[in-house]
Full PDB file with SEQRES, HELIX, SHEET, SSBOND, CRYST1, ORIGX, SCALE, CONECT and MASTER records, all heavy atoms in Angstrom:
SEQRES   1 A   34  GLY VAL THR GLY ASP GLN LEU ALA VAL ASP THR GLU GLU          
SEQRES   2 A   34  MET ALA ASP ALA GLY GLU LEU ASP VAL HIS LEU ILE GLY          
SEQRES   3 A   34  ASP GLN PRO GLY GLU ALA ARG VAL                              
HELIX    1 AA1 THR A   11  ALA A   17  1                                   7    
CRYST1    1.000    1.000    1.000  90.00  90.00  90.00 P 1           1          
ORIGX1      1.000000  0.000000  0.000000        0.00000                         
ORIGX2      0.000000  1.000000  0.000000        0.00000                         
ORIGX3      0.000000  0.000000  1.000000        0.00000                         
SCALE1      1.000000  0.000000  0.000000        0.00000                         
SCALE2      0.000000  1.000000  0.000000        0.00000                         
SCALE3      0.000000  0.000000  1.000000        0.00000                         
ATOM      1  N   GLY A   1      98.998  55.685 130.436  1.00  0.00           N  
ATOM      2  CA  GLY A   1      98.024  54.993 129.634  1.00  0.00           C  
ATOM      3  C   GLY A   1      96.869  55.873 129.170  1.00  0.00           C  
ATOM      4  O   GLY A   1      96.411  55.833 128.024  1.00  0.00           O  
ATOM      5  N   VAL A   2      96.425  56.719 130.081  1.00  0.00           N  
ATOM      6  CA  VAL A   2      95.340  57.690 129.790  1.00  0.00           C  
ATOM      7  C   VAL A   2      95.803  58.728 128.745  1.00  0.00           C  
ATOM      8  O   VAL A   2      95.123  58.945 127.733  1.00  0.00           O  
ATOM      9  CB  VAL A   2      94.830  58.376 131.051  1.00  0.00           C  
ATOM     10  CG1 VAL A   2      93.812  59.497 130.697  1.00  0.00           C  
ATOM     11  CG2 VAL A   2      94.099  57.344 131.973  1.00  0.00           C  
ATOM     12  N   THR A   3      96.963  59.315 128.995  1.00  0.00           N  
ATOM     13  CA  THR A   3      97.388  60.403 128.093  1.00  0.00           C  
ATOM     14  C   THR A   3      97.910  59.856 126.796  1.00  0.00           C  
ATOM     15  O   THR A   3      97.959  60.589 125.790  1.00  0.00           O  
ATOM     16  CB  THR A   3      98.539  61.234 128.801  1.00  0.00           C  
ATOM     17  OG1 THR A   3      99.644  60.401 129.125  1.00  0.00           O  
ATOM     18  CG2 THR A   3      97.970  61.942 130.033  1.00  0.00           C  
ATOM     19  N   GLY A   4      98.228  58.592 126.692  1.00  0.00           N  
ATOM     20  CA  GLY A   4      98.636  57.933 125.508  1.00  0.00           C  
ATOM     21  C   GLY A   4      97.460  57.285 124.754  1.00  0.00           C  
ATOM     22  O   GLY A   4      97.681  56.525 123.823  1.00  0.00           O  
ATOM     23  N   ASP A   5      96.216  57.547 125.201  1.00  0.00           N  
ATOM     24  CA  ASP A   5      95.012  57.046 124.568  1.00  0.00           C  
ATOM     25  C   ASP A   5      94.902  55.528 124.603  1.00  0.00           C  
ATOM     26  O   ASP A   5      94.265  54.907 123.734  1.00  0.00           O  
ATOM     27  CB  ASP A   5      94.824  57.540 123.147  1.00  0.00           C  
ATOM     28  CG  ASP A   5      94.547  59.030 123.109  1.00  0.00           C  
ATOM     29  OD1 ASP A   5      93.891  59.559 124.063  1.00  0.00           O  
ATOM     30  OD2 ASP A   5      94.974  59.707 122.149  1.00  0.00           O  
ATOM     31  N   GLN A   6      95.564  54.900 125.569  1.00  0.00           N  
ATOM     32  CA  GLN A   6      95.453  53.433 125.705  1.00  0.00           C  
ATOM     33  C   GLN A   6      94.400  53.028 126.762  1.00  0.00           C  
ATOM     34  O   GLN A   6      93.863  51.899 126.730  1.00  0.00           O  
ATOM     35  CB  GLN A   6      96.832  52.833 126.141  1.00  0.00           C  
ATOM     36  CG  GLN A   6      97.865  53.080 125.082  1.00  0.00           C  
ATOM     37  CD  GLN A   6      99.262  53.202 125.642  1.00  0.00           C  
ATOM     38  OE1 GLN A   6      99.442  53.324 126.848  1.00  0.00           O  
ATOM     39  NE2 GLN A   6     100.250  53.106 124.753  1.00  0.00           N  
ATOM     40  N   LEU A   7      94.088  53.967 127.641  1.00  0.00           N  
ATOM     41  CA  LEU A   7      93.045  53.740 128.646  1.00  0.00           C  
ATOM     42  C   LEU A   7      91.966  54.815 128.486  1.00  0.00           C  
ATOM     43  O   LEU A   7      92.302  55.992 128.373  1.00  0.00           O  
ATOM     44  CB  LEU A   7      93.616  53.813 130.073  1.00  0.00           C  
ATOM     45  CG  LEU A   7      94.793  52.890 130.412  1.00  0.00           C  
ATOM     46  CD1 LEU A   7      95.274  53.140 131.831  1.00  0.00           C  
ATOM     47  CD2 LEU A   7      94.434  51.469 130.163  1.00  0.00           C  
ATOM     48  N   ALA A   8      90.689  54.410 128.462  1.00  0.00           N  
ATOM     49  CA  ALA A   8      89.574  55.339 128.299  1.00  0.00           C  
ATOM     50  C   ALA A   8      89.102  55.924 129.613  1.00  0.00           C  
ATOM     51  O   ALA A   8      88.391  55.331 130.313  1.00  0.00           O  
ATOM     52  CB  ALA A   8      88.449  54.597 127.587  1.00  0.00           C  
ATOM     53  N   VAL A   9      89.669  57.081 129.935  1.00  0.00           N  
ATOM     54  CA  VAL A   9      89.309  57.769 131.143  1.00  0.00           C  
ATOM     55  C   VAL A   9      89.153  59.286 130.796  1.00  0.00           C  
ATOM     56  O   VAL A   9      89.909  59.756 130.013  1.00  0.00           O  
ATOM     57  CB  VAL A   9      90.442  57.589 132.247  1.00  0.00           C  
ATOM     58  CG1 VAL A   9      90.109  58.413 133.508  1.00  0.00           C  
ATOM     59  CG2 VAL A   9      90.581  56.102 132.628  1.00  0.00           C  
ATOM     60  N   ASP A  10      88.202  59.939 131.423  1.00  0.00           N  
ATOM     61  CA  ASP A  10      87.929  61.326 131.140  1.00  0.00           C  
ATOM     62  C   ASP A  10      89.024  62.188 131.797  1.00  0.00           C  
ATOM     63  O   ASP A  10      89.101  62.357 132.975  1.00  0.00           O  
ATOM     64  CB  ASP A  10      86.549  61.694 131.726  1.00  0.00           C  
ATOM     65  CG  ASP A  10      86.080  63.079 131.319  1.00  0.00           C  
ATOM     66  OD1 ASP A  10      86.941  63.949 131.172  1.00  0.00           O  
ATOM     67  OD2 ASP A  10      84.881  63.280 131.249  1.00  0.00           O  
ATOM     68  N   THR A  11      89.864  62.835 130.928  1.00  0.00           N  
ATOM     69  CA  THR A  11      90.912  63.668 131.446  1.00  0.00           C  
ATOM     70  C   THR A  11      90.475  64.934 132.116  1.00  0.00           C  
ATOM     71  O   THR A  11      91.124  65.419 133.010  1.00  0.00           O  
ATOM     72  CB  THR A  11      91.923  63.979 130.355  1.00  0.00           C  
ATOM     73  OG1 THR A  11      91.216  64.585 129.231  1.00  0.00           O  
ATOM     74  CG2 THR A  11      92.670  62.740 129.842  1.00  0.00           C  
ATOM     75  N   GLU A  12      89.315  65.424 131.731  1.00  0.00           N  
ATOM     76  CA  GLU A  12      88.791  66.628 132.406  1.00  0.00           C  
ATOM     77  C   GLU A  12      88.368  66.261 133.836  1.00  0.00           C  
ATOM     78  O   GLU A  12      88.577  67.085 134.760  1.00  0.00           O  
ATOM     79  CB  GLU A  12      87.625  67.227 131.638  1.00  0.00           C  
ATOM     80  CG  GLU A  12      88.119  67.875 130.377  1.00  0.00           C  
ATOM     81  CD  GLU A  12      86.955  68.567 129.598  1.00  0.00           C  
ATOM     82  OE1 GLU A  12      85.911  68.851 130.167  1.00  0.00           O  
ATOM     83  OE2 GLU A  12      87.156  68.806 128.396  1.00  0.00           O  
ATOM     84  N   GLU A  13      87.819  65.078 134.053  1.00  0.00           N  
ATOM     85  CA  GLU A  13      87.519  64.620 135.403  1.00  0.00           C  
ATOM     86  C   GLU A  13      88.805  64.454 136.212  1.00  0.00           C  
ATOM     87  O   GLU A  13      88.827  64.802 137.401  1.00  0.00           O  
ATOM     88  CB  GLU A  13      86.726  63.337 135.430  1.00  0.00           C  
ATOM     89  CG  GLU A  13      85.255  63.501 135.112  1.00  0.00           C  
ATOM     90  CD  GLU A  13      84.468  62.196 135.401  1.00  0.00           C  
ATOM     91  OE1 GLU A  13      85.043  61.121 135.491  1.00  0.00           O  
ATOM     92  OE2 GLU A  13      83.252  62.356 135.409  1.00  0.00           O  
ATOM     93  N   MET A  14      89.844  63.899 135.559  1.00  0.00           N  
ATOM     94  CA  MET A  14      91.117  63.783 136.228  1.00  0.00           C  
ATOM     95  C   MET A  14      91.673  65.156 136.679  1.00  0.00           C  
ATOM     96  O   MET A  14      92.155  65.341 137.806  1.00  0.00           O  
ATOM     97  CB  MET A  14      92.148  63.120 135.309  1.00  0.00           C  
ATOM     98  CG  MET A  14      91.962  61.602 135.207  1.00  0.00           C  
ATOM     99  SD  MET A  14      93.121  60.832 134.033  1.00  0.00           S  
ATOM    100  CE  MET A  14      94.675  61.068 134.866  1.00  0.00           C  
ATOM    101  N   ALA A  15      91.604  66.116 135.747  1.00  0.00           N  
ATOM    102  CA  ALA A  15      92.071  67.485 136.056  1.00  0.00           C  
ATOM    103  C   ALA A  15      91.289  68.076 137.169  1.00  0.00           C  
ATOM    104  O   ALA A  15      91.862  68.708 138.130  1.00  0.00           O  
ATOM    105  CB  ALA A  15      92.028  68.353 134.808  1.00  0.00           C  
ATOM    106  N   ASP A  16      89.959  67.925 137.196  1.00  0.00           N  
ATOM    107  CA  ASP A  16      89.143  68.471 138.285  1.00  0.00           C  
ATOM    108  C   ASP A  16      89.478  67.803 139.591  1.00  0.00           C  
ATOM    109  O   ASP A  16      89.518  68.483 140.626  1.00  0.00           O  
ATOM    110  CB  ASP A  16      87.650  68.249 137.942  1.00  0.00           C  
ATOM    111  CG  ASP A  16      87.134  69.136 136.805  1.00  0.00           C  
ATOM    112  OD1 ASP A  16      87.864  70.129 136.460  1.00  0.00           O  
ATOM    113  OD2 ASP A  16      86.097  68.884 136.262  1.00  0.00           O  
ATOM    114  N   ALA A  17      89.690  66.469 139.588  1.00  0.00           N  
ATOM    115  CA  ALA A  17      89.992  65.772 140.848  1.00  0.00           C  
ATOM    116  C   ALA A  17      91.377  66.156 141.358  1.00  0.00           C  
ATOM    117  O   ALA A  17      91.610  66.266 142.565  1.00  0.00           O  
ATOM    118  CB  ALA A  17      89.915  64.241 140.644  1.00  0.00           C  
ATOM    119  N   GLY A  18      92.342  66.293 140.453  1.00  0.00           N  
ATOM    120  CA  GLY A  18      93.714  66.636 140.819  1.00  0.00           C  
ATOM    121  C   GLY A  18      94.488  65.555 141.514  1.00  0.00           C  
ATOM    122  O   GLY A  18      95.602  65.755 141.923  1.00  0.00           O  
ATOM    123  N   GLU A  19      93.883  64.388 141.621  1.00  0.00           N  
ATOM    124  CA  GLU A  19      94.577  63.244 142.252  1.00  0.00           C  
ATOM    125  C   GLU A  19      93.930  61.935 141.827  1.00  0.00           C  
ATOM    126  O   GLU A  19      92.861  61.930 141.183  1.00  0.00           O  
ATOM    127  CB  GLU A  19      94.472  63.345 143.804  1.00  0.00           C  
ATOM    128  CG  GLU A  19      93.039  63.318 144.334  1.00  0.00           C  
ATOM    129  CD  GLU A  19      92.947  63.609 145.786  1.00  0.00           C  
ATOM    130  OE1 GLU A  19      93.872  64.281 146.329  1.00  0.00           O  
ATOM    131  OE2 GLU A  19      91.927  63.212 146.416  1.00  0.00           O  
ATOM    132  N   LEU A  20      94.592  60.865 142.135  1.00  0.00           N  
ATOM    133  CA  LEU A  20      94.091  59.533 141.862  1.00  0.00           C  
ATOM    134  C   LEU A  20      94.048  58.743 143.154  1.00  0.00           C  
ATOM    135  O   LEU A  20      94.891  58.924 144.018  1.00  0.00           O  
ATOM    136  CB  LEU A  20      95.025  58.795 140.901  1.00  0.00           C  
ATOM    137  CG  LEU A  20      95.198  59.413 139.470  1.00  0.00           C  
ATOM    138  CD1 LEU A  20      96.301  58.689 138.723  1.00  0.00           C  
ATOM    139  CD2 LEU A  20      93.852  59.363 138.739  1.00  0.00           C  
ATOM    140  N   ASP A  21      93.088  57.888 143.297  1.00  0.00           N  
ATOM    141  CA  ASP A  21      93.022  56.945 144.422  1.00  0.00           C  
ATOM    142  C   ASP A  21      93.750  55.640 143.968  1.00  0.00           C  
ATOM    143  O   ASP A  21      93.361  55.104 142.931  1.00  0.00           O  
ATOM    144  CB  ASP A  21      91.590  56.627 144.817  1.00  0.00           C  
ATOM    145  CG  ASP A  21      90.917  57.759 145.571  1.00  0.00           C  
ATOM    146  OD1 ASP A  21      91.625  58.613 146.119  1.00  0.00           O  
ATOM    147  OD2 ASP A  21      89.689  57.788 145.642  1.00  0.00           O  
ATOM    148  N   VAL A  22      94.697  55.251 144.709  1.00  0.00           N  
ATOM    149  CA  VAL A  22      95.514  54.061 144.365  1.00  0.00           C  
ATOM    150  C   VAL A  22      95.356  53.096 145.569  1.00  0.00           C  
ATOM    151  O   VAL A  22      95.799  53.370 146.670  1.00  0.00           O  
ATOM    152  CB  VAL A  22      96.956  54.399 144.146  1.00  0.00           C  
ATOM    153  CG1 VAL A  22      97.767  53.227 143.737  1.00  0.00           C  
ATOM    154  CG2 VAL A  22      97.120  55.517 143.071  1.00  0.00           C  
ATOM    155  N   HIS A  23      94.678  51.967 145.263  1.00  0.00           N  
ATOM    156  CA  HIS A  23      94.409  50.997 146.293  1.00  0.00           C  
ATOM    157  C   HIS A  23      95.299  49.756 146.106  1.00  0.00           C  
ATOM    158  O   HIS A  23      95.267  49.113 145.067  1.00  0.00           O  
ATOM    159  CB  HIS A  23      92.939  50.545 146.239  1.00  0.00           C  
ATOM    160  CG  HIS A  23      91.956  51.642 146.281  1.00  0.00           C  
ATOM    161  ND1 HIS A  23      91.622  52.371 147.350  1.00  0.00           N  
ATOM    162  CD2 HIS A  23      91.239  52.200 145.241  1.00  0.00           C  
ATOM    163  CE1 HIS A  23      90.750  53.266 147.126  1.00  0.00           C  
ATOM    164  NE2 HIS A  23      90.510  53.239 145.780  1.00  0.00           N  
ATOM    165  N   LEU A  24      96.102  49.435 147.160  1.00  0.00           N  
ATOM    166  CA  LEU A  24      96.896  48.224 147.112  1.00  0.00           C  
ATOM    167  C   LEU A  24      95.920  47.061 147.411  1.00  0.00           C  
ATOM    168  O   LEU A  24      95.239  47.078 148.441  1.00  0.00           O  
ATOM    169  CB  LEU A  24      97.956  48.293 148.202  1.00  0.00           C  
ATOM    170  CG  LEU A  24      98.790  47.006 148.436  1.00  0.00           C  
ATOM    171  CD1 LEU A  24      99.541  46.596 147.171  1.00  0.00           C  
ATOM    172  CD2 LEU A  24      99.733  47.179 149.594  1.00  0.00           C  
ATOM    173  N   ILE A  25      95.925  46.085 146.498  1.00  0.00           N  
ATOM    174  CA  ILE A  25      94.976  44.978 146.687  1.00  0.00           C  
ATOM    175  C   ILE A  25      95.628  43.607 146.739  1.00  0.00           C  
ATOM    176  O   ILE A  25      94.963  42.603 146.880  1.00  0.00           O  
ATOM    177  CB  ILE A  25      93.820  45.005 145.697  1.00  0.00           C  
ATOM    178  CG1 ILE A  25      94.366  45.019 144.277  1.00  0.00           C  
ATOM    179  CG2 ILE A  25      92.943  46.222 145.904  1.00  0.00           C  
ATOM    180  CD1 ILE A  25      93.245  44.980 143.206  1.00  0.00           C  
ATOM    181  N   GLY A  26      96.974  43.573 146.604  1.00  0.00           N  
ATOM    182  CA  GLY A  26      97.657  42.291 146.726  1.00  0.00           C  
ATOM    183  C   GLY A  26      98.935  42.207 145.997  1.00  0.00           C  
ATOM    184  O   GLY A  26      99.426  43.224 145.498  1.00  0.00           O  
ATOM    185  N   ASP A  27      99.506  41.019 145.970  1.00  0.00           N  
ATOM    186  CA  ASP A  27     100.775  40.795 145.215  1.00  0.00           C  
ATOM    187  C   ASP A  27     100.412  40.288 143.797  1.00  0.00           C  
ATOM    188  O   ASP A  27      99.396  39.657 143.589  1.00  0.00           O  
ATOM    189  CB  ASP A  27     101.590  39.678 145.900  1.00  0.00           C  
ATOM    190  CG  ASP A  27     102.018  40.094 147.267  1.00  0.00           C  
ATOM    191  OD1 ASP A  27     102.326  41.292 147.443  1.00  0.00           O  
ATOM    192  OD2 ASP A  27     102.057  39.265 148.184  1.00  0.00           O  
ATOM    193  N   GLN A  28     101.285  40.545 142.860  1.00  0.00           N  
ATOM    194  CA  GLN A  28     101.114  40.085 141.494  1.00  0.00           C  
ATOM    195  C   GLN A  28     102.502  39.898 140.879  1.00  0.00           C  
ATOM    196  O   GLN A  28     103.327  40.810 140.906  1.00  0.00           O  
ATOM    197  CB  GLN A  28     100.317  41.088 140.662  1.00  0.00           C  
ATOM    198  CG  GLN A  28      99.928  40.613 139.324  1.00  0.00           C  
ATOM    199  CD  GLN A  28      98.874  39.524 139.322  1.00  0.00           C  
ATOM    200  OE1 GLN A  28      98.149  39.384 140.277  1.00  0.00           O  
ATOM    201  NE2 GLN A  28      98.774  38.792 138.224  1.00  0.00           N  
ATOM    202  N   PRO A  29     102.739  38.723 140.330  1.00  0.00           N  
ATOM    203  CA  PRO A  29     104.081  38.480 139.749  1.00  0.00           C  
ATOM    204  C   PRO A  29     104.223  39.165 138.383  1.00  0.00           C  
ATOM    205  O   PRO A  29     103.208  39.589 137.774  1.00  0.00           O  
ATOM    206  CB  PRO A  29     104.102  36.951 139.580  1.00  0.00           C  
ATOM    207  CG  PRO A  29     102.690  36.551 139.449  1.00  0.00           C  
ATOM    208  CD  PRO A  29     101.873  37.539 140.289  1.00  0.00           C  
ATOM    209  N   GLY A  30     105.427  39.310 137.950  1.00  0.00           N  
ATOM    210  CA  GLY A  30     105.713  39.819 136.612  1.00  0.00           C  
ATOM    211  C   GLY A  30     106.179  41.270 136.606  1.00  0.00           C  
ATOM    212  O   GLY A  30     106.430  41.847 137.631  1.00  0.00           O  
ATOM    213  N   GLU A  31     106.291  41.807 135.407  1.00  0.00           N  
ATOM    214  CA  GLU A  31     106.750  43.148 135.223  1.00  0.00           C  
ATOM    215  C   GLU A  31     105.655  44.213 135.468  1.00  0.00           C  
ATOM    216  O   GLU A  31     104.485  43.861 135.425  1.00  0.00           O  
ATOM    217  CB  GLU A  31     107.337  43.302 133.825  1.00  0.00           C  
ATOM    218  CG  GLU A  31     108.512  42.450 133.558  1.00  0.00           C  
ATOM    219  CD  GLU A  31     109.126  42.680 132.162  1.00  0.00           C  
ATOM    220  OE1 GLU A  31     108.837  43.680 131.548  1.00  0.00           O  
ATOM    221  OE2 GLU A  31     109.832  41.793 131.735  1.00  0.00           O  
ATOM    222  N   ALA A  32     106.043  45.458 135.602  1.00  0.00           N  
ATOM    223  CA  ALA A  32     105.115  46.547 135.755  1.00  0.00           C  
ATOM    224  C   ALA A  32     104.241  46.710 134.454  1.00  0.00           C  
ATOM    225  O   ALA A  32     104.797  46.654 133.359  1.00  0.00           O  
ATOM    226  CB  ALA A  32     105.844  47.869 136.066  1.00  0.00           C  
ATOM    227  N   ARG A  33     102.949  46.841 134.687  1.00  0.00           N  
ATOM    228  CA  ARG A  33     102.052  46.898 133.515  1.00  0.00           C  
ATOM    229  C   ARG A  33     100.659  47.247 133.975  1.00  0.00           C  
ATOM    230  O   ARG A  33     100.293  47.136 135.172  1.00  0.00           O  
ATOM    231  CB  ARG A  33     102.023  45.591 132.749  1.00  0.00           C  
ATOM    232  CG  ARG A  33     101.411  44.455 133.597  1.00  0.00           C  
ATOM    233  CD  ARG A  33     101.847  43.082 133.100  1.00  0.00           C  
ATOM    234  NE  ARG A  33     101.311  41.964 133.856  1.00  0.00           N  
ATOM    235  CZ  ARG A  33     101.782  41.524 135.024  1.00  0.00           C  
ATOM    236  NH1 ARG A  33     102.799  42.105 135.568  1.00  0.00           N  
ATOM    237  NH2 ARG A  33     101.258  40.468 135.630  1.00  0.00           N  
ATOM    238  N   VAL A  34      99.800  47.654 133.031  1.00  0.00           N  
ATOM    239  CA  VAL A  34      98.344  47.859 133.215  1.00  0.00           C  
ATOM    240  C   VAL A  34      97.692  46.626 132.683  1.00  0.00           C  
ATOM    241  O   VAL A  34      97.936  46.182 131.576  1.00  0.00           O  
ATOM    242  CB  VAL A  34      97.855  49.123 132.535  1.00  0.00           C  
ATOM    243  CG1 VAL A  34      96.325  49.216 132.663  1.00  0.00           C  
ATOM    244  CG2 VAL A  34      98.537  50.380 133.025  1.00  0.00           C  
TER     245      VAL A  34                                                      
MASTER        0    0    0    1    0    0    0    6  244    1    0    3          
END                                                                             
């Protein structure tokens, strides 16, 4: 989503961080999506 310009996130900050924090927060029905 970020690299396809669908999500507004600073890619230079992503590159500097080198990782993402992914927090599981519950169940959600349906297909994979943002």
